[in-house]
Every structure is written in structure tokens, then in C-alpha cells.
Amino acid sequence: MLWMLAPRPAVLLRTWDDDASGIAYDDRNGDTFVLGPLALELITMLHEGGARAPEALLAELARGLGGQAPATLAADIEAELARLSERGLVLSLPST
């Protein structure tokens, strides 16, 4: 399965200088969501690199952590992608 961002301009993001949190506004229905650091990082990665498998996201995040990724990181990524999908911020695509 691959993941990608929801089509623009449906989702608008606002972050602050520390990048520790942000807000997503869904223009389609007016919903607003507070996003934590992992959600923001995943959205940024999907925006910059296009659709990717969770394993590719995990590998990139682990590299960014110097290879010292928490044991729960894969499960955390899957859970965060599921939350973002429920909110309509990302879409899952079948793998090719």
C-alpha cells in the first residue's frame, strides 16, 4: 500500500517555527485538526517525495534519527497514517 497527500487545495497547513505542532484545515468540510510532530513529518515527507510505502517512510525517519529509531516507530507511523486518513488528510493507494 502507498500513501499520498489529499489533493490540494483541500488541505491547508499552518506550522510554527518549532515544527513541534501545527494545524490542518480541510477546506472541503471546514474541519480543523491539531497535528503533532510525527503527523507533520509524515505530511512533509509525502509532500516532498510523493506517494510512498510505510516502509519507505520508516527508513527515512530512521535515517533522520541516526539509525536509533524507537522500536515502536513502525507501529506509530501506521497509526498516524490511519488517523490522517480518517481525517481525509492522506489517501491510501494500492501498491503496484
Protein backbone atom coordinates (compact mmCIF):
# COMPACT_ATOMS: atom_id res chain seq x y z
CA MET A 1 0.00 0.00 0.00
CA LEU A 2 1.21 3.52 -0.81
CA TRP A 3 0.22 6.74 0.92
CA MET A 4 -0.15 10.22 -0.57
CA LEU A 5 -1.44 13.62 0.49
CA ALA A 6 -5.05 14.53 -0.14
CA PRO A 7 -5.44 16.74 -3.23
CA ARG A 8 -4.72 20.43 -2.81
CA PRO A 9 -6.13 22.97 -2.15
CA ALA A 10 -8.41 20.85 0.03
CA VAL A 11 -5.96 20.75 2.95
CA LEU A 12 -4.17 23.83 4.25
CA LEU A 13 -1.40 23.55 6.86
CA ARG A 14 -0.05 26.05 9.33
CA THR A 15 3.05 25.37 11.41
CA TRP A 16 5.11 27.40 13.80
CA ASP A 17 8.86 27.93 13.95
CA ASP A 18 9.48 24.97 16.25
CA ASP A 19 7.69 22.50 13.92
CA ALA A 20 6.53 20.63 17.04
CA SER A 21 2.88 21.18 16.22
CA GLY A 22 0.64 22.52 13.52
CA ILE A 23 -2.92 22.87 12.36
CA ALA A 24 -4.54 21.36 9.28
CA TYR A 25 -7.67 22.92 7.83
CA ASP A 26 -9.79 20.86 5.45
CA ASP A 27 -11.41 23.31 3.03
CA ARG A 28 -13.88 20.66 1.85
CA ASN A 29 -15.76 20.47 5.15
CA GLY A 30 -14.29 23.13 7.44
CA ASP A 31 -12.72 20.63 9.87
CA THR A 32 -9.60 21.75 11.71
CA PHE A 33 -7.09 19.36 13.29
CA VAL A 34 -4.11 19.84 15.60
CA LEU A 35 -1.13 17.88 14.31
CA GLY A 36 1.79 16.57 16.34
CA PRO A 37 5.42 16.22 15.24
CA LEU A 38 5.07 12.77 13.63
CA ALA A 39 1.98 13.80 11.64
CA LEU A 40 3.75 16.94 10.42
CA GLU A 41 6.85 14.98 9.44
CA LEU A 42 4.82 12.40 7.53
CA ILE A 43 2.86 15.10 5.71
CA THR A 44 6.09 16.90 4.83
CA MET A 45 7.68 13.68 3.56
CA LEU A 46 4.66 12.86 1.40
CA HIS A 47 4.53 16.42 0.08
CA GLU A 48 8.22 16.46 -0.84
CA GLY A 49 8.61 12.87 -2.04
CA GLY A 50 5.22 11.87 -3.36
CA ALA A 51 3.37 8.65 -2.62
CA ARG A 52 5.37 6.17 -0.56
CA ALA A 53 5.01 2.90 1.28
CA PRO A 54 5.10 2.93 5.09
CA GLU A 55 8.40 1.03 4.95
CA ALA A 56 10.00 3.84 2.94
CA LEU A 57 8.69 6.42 5.40
CA LEU A 58 10.09 4.34 8.28
CA ALA A 59 13.50 4.05 6.62
CA GLU A 60 13.72 7.80 6.02
CA LEU A 61 12.63 8.65 9.56
CA ALA A 62 15.12 6.13 10.99
CA ARG A 63 17.94 7.70 8.94
CA GLY A 64 16.94 11.10 10.29
CA LEU A 65 17.23 9.70 13.80
CA GLY A 66 20.73 8.39 13.11
CA GLY A 67 19.50 4.81 12.94
CA GLN A 68 18.28 5.00 16.54
CA ALA A 69 14.57 4.72 15.78
CA PRO A 70 12.32 3.65 18.66
CA ALA A 71 11.10 0.06 18.46
CA THR A 72 7.54 1.35 18.18
CA LEU A 73 8.21 3.68 15.24
CA ALA A 74 6.73 1.38 12.56
CA ALA A 75 3.52 0.95 14.57
CA ASP A 76 3.45 4.69 15.33
CA ILE A 77 3.71 5.50 11.61
CA GLU A 78 0.91 3.07 10.71
CA ALA A 79 -1.33 4.51 13.46
CA GLU A 80 -0.61 8.11 12.43
CA LEU A 81 -1.28 7.37 8.76
CA ALA A 82 -4.58 5.75 9.77
CA ARG A 83 -5.53 8.87 11.79
CA LEU A 84 -4.56 11.18 8.94
CA SER A 85 -6.57 9.02 6.55
CA GLU A 86 -9.65 9.12 8.79
CA ARG A 87 -9.38 12.91 8.72
CA GLY A 88 -9.06 12.95 4.94
CA LEU A 89 -5.56 14.43 5.00
CA VAL A 90 -3.85 11.48 3.30
CA LEU A 91 -5.09 8.79 0.94
CA SER A 92 -4.02 5.17 0.61
CA LEU A 93 -3.36 3.75 -2.83
CA PRO A 94 -2.96 0.11 -3.81
CA SER A 95 0.64 -0.94 -4.39
CA THR A 96 1.60 -1.52 -7.98
